[in-house]
Amino acid sequence: MIILQGRTKRTVTEAAEGKTLLQLALKAKAEWGSSCQRGTCARCRCLIVDGMEHLEPVTDAEWDRLEPEELEQGYRLSCQAVIRSDHANVEVKHKPYF
């Protein structure tokens, strides 16, 4: 189960191995912003509240775009954060810069 918390709306959807958090958010019509979908704009920046262990490791695009402190705090780019298992439980808050 993936819990996606937007600015005012919470959406719950099923996990899907190999899909990004952004792909799942768009499919579920969650309140989620994005622009480039390749890791450069950071409009899809999010905070992993729970379940980081169910995501693939941080990508080069995330290392290039996010500060080390952000990564330590649990921030990811939802277009880069890939689900590892259909049975994953992840809670995420959309936290764009603007």
Protein backbone atom coordinates (compact mmCIF):
# COMPACT_ATOMS: atom_id res chain seq x y z
CA MET A 1 0.00 0.00 0.00
CA ILE A 2 1.25 3.45 -0.93
CA ILE A 3 -0.09 6.47 0.99
CA LEU A 4 0.36 9.69 -0.97
CA GLN A 5 -0.21 12.90 0.99
CA GLY A 6 -0.67 15.97 -1.21
CA ARG A 7 -1.14 19.51 -0.03
CA THR A 8 -4.78 18.95 1.01
CA LYS A 9 -5.69 15.44 -0.12
CA ARG A 10 -4.55 11.96 0.89
CA THR A 11 -4.66 9.17 -1.70
CA VAL A 12 -4.06 5.46 -1.13
CA THR A 13 -3.03 3.12 -3.93
CA GLU A 14 -1.49 -0.31 -4.36
CA ALA A 15 2.27 -0.76 -4.65
CA ALA A 16 3.65 -1.92 -7.99
CA GLU A 17 7.17 -3.28 -8.27
CA GLY A 18 9.31 -1.34 -10.73
CA LYS A 19 7.05 1.73 -10.80
CA THR A 20 8.08 5.13 -9.48
CA LEU A 21 6.14 6.93 -6.78
CA LEU A 22 5.28 9.57 -9.39
CA GLN A 23 3.89 6.98 -11.80
CA LEU A 24 1.70 5.60 -9.02
CA ALA A 25 0.58 9.09 -7.96
CA LEU A 26 -0.39 10.04 -11.51
CA LYS A 27 -2.23 6.77 -12.07
CA ALA A 28 -4.15 7.23 -8.81
CA LYS A 29 -4.90 10.87 -9.73
CA ALA A 30 -3.29 11.99 -6.49
CA GLU A 31 -2.71 15.65 -5.73
CA TRP A 32 0.90 15.61 -6.95
CA GLY A 33 2.90 18.09 -9.00
CA SER A 34 5.56 17.29 -11.54
CA SER A 35 7.08 18.81 -14.65
CA CYS A 36 10.08 17.11 -16.20
CA GLN A 37 9.63 13.51 -14.90
CA ARG A 38 13.39 12.89 -15.25
CA GLY A 39 14.84 14.29 -12.03
CA THR A 40 15.87 17.81 -12.92
CA CYS A 41 13.02 20.13 -11.88
CA ALA A 42 12.38 18.73 -8.34
CA ARG A 43 8.68 19.63 -8.56
CA CYS A 44 7.91 16.07 -7.48
CA ARG A 45 10.16 16.30 -4.39
CA CYS A 46 8.70 14.30 -1.54
CA LEU A 47 9.43 13.21 2.01
CA ILE A 48 9.39 9.50 2.72
CA VAL A 49 7.59 9.29 6.07
CA ASP A 50 7.75 5.52 6.29
CA GLY A 51 8.98 2.64 4.15
CA MET A 52 12.26 3.90 2.70
CA GLU A 53 13.51 0.29 2.76
CA HIS A 54 10.91 -0.56 0.09
CA LEU A 55 12.47 1.85 -2.41
CA GLU A 56 15.42 1.37 -4.74
CA PRO A 57 18.57 3.34 -3.79
CA VAL A 58 18.95 7.05 -4.50
CA THR A 59 19.70 7.71 -8.17
CA ASP A 60 22.41 9.90 -9.71
CA ALA A 61 19.70 12.41 -10.69
CA GLU A 62 18.69 12.71 -7.04
CA TRP A 63 22.30 13.13 -5.90
CA ASP A 64 22.66 15.91 -8.48
CA ARG A 65 19.42 17.72 -7.59
CA LEU A 66 18.96 17.26 -3.82
CA GLU A 67 21.28 18.40 -1.06
CA PRO A 68 22.98 15.70 1.07
CA GLU A 69 21.03 16.97 4.11
CA GLU A 70 17.74 16.50 2.27
CA LEU A 71 18.63 12.92 1.37
CA GLU A 72 19.59 12.23 5.00
CA GLN A 73 16.23 13.63 6.15
CA GLY A 74 14.38 11.25 3.81
CA TYR A 75 13.62 13.45 0.81
CA ARG A 76 13.45 11.85 -2.63
CA LEU A 77 12.29 12.78 -6.11
CA SER A 78 9.14 10.79 -6.71
CA CYS A 79 10.01 10.43 -10.41
CA GLN A 80 13.19 8.59 -9.38
CA ALA A 81 12.01 6.61 -6.32
CA VAL A 82 11.23 3.10 -7.59
CA ILE A 83 9.16 0.58 -5.60
CA ARG A 84 10.99 -2.69 -4.87
CA SER A 85 7.97 -4.94 -4.25
CA ASP A 86 4.25 -5.29 -4.94
CA HIS A 87 3.90 -5.77 -1.17
CA ALA A 88 5.62 -2.52 -0.16
CA ASN A 89 4.12 -0.19 2.42
CA VAL A 90 5.29 3.38 1.90
CA GLU A 91 3.95 6.67 3.22
CA VAL A 92 4.97 9.78 1.29
CA LYS A 93 4.31 13.53 1.56
CA HIS A 94 4.62 15.74 -1.50
CA LYS A 95 7.02 18.54 -0.49
CA PRO A 96 7.96 20.69 -3.49
CA TYR A 97 10.16 23.73 -2.95
CA PHE A 98 7.43 26.07 -4.17
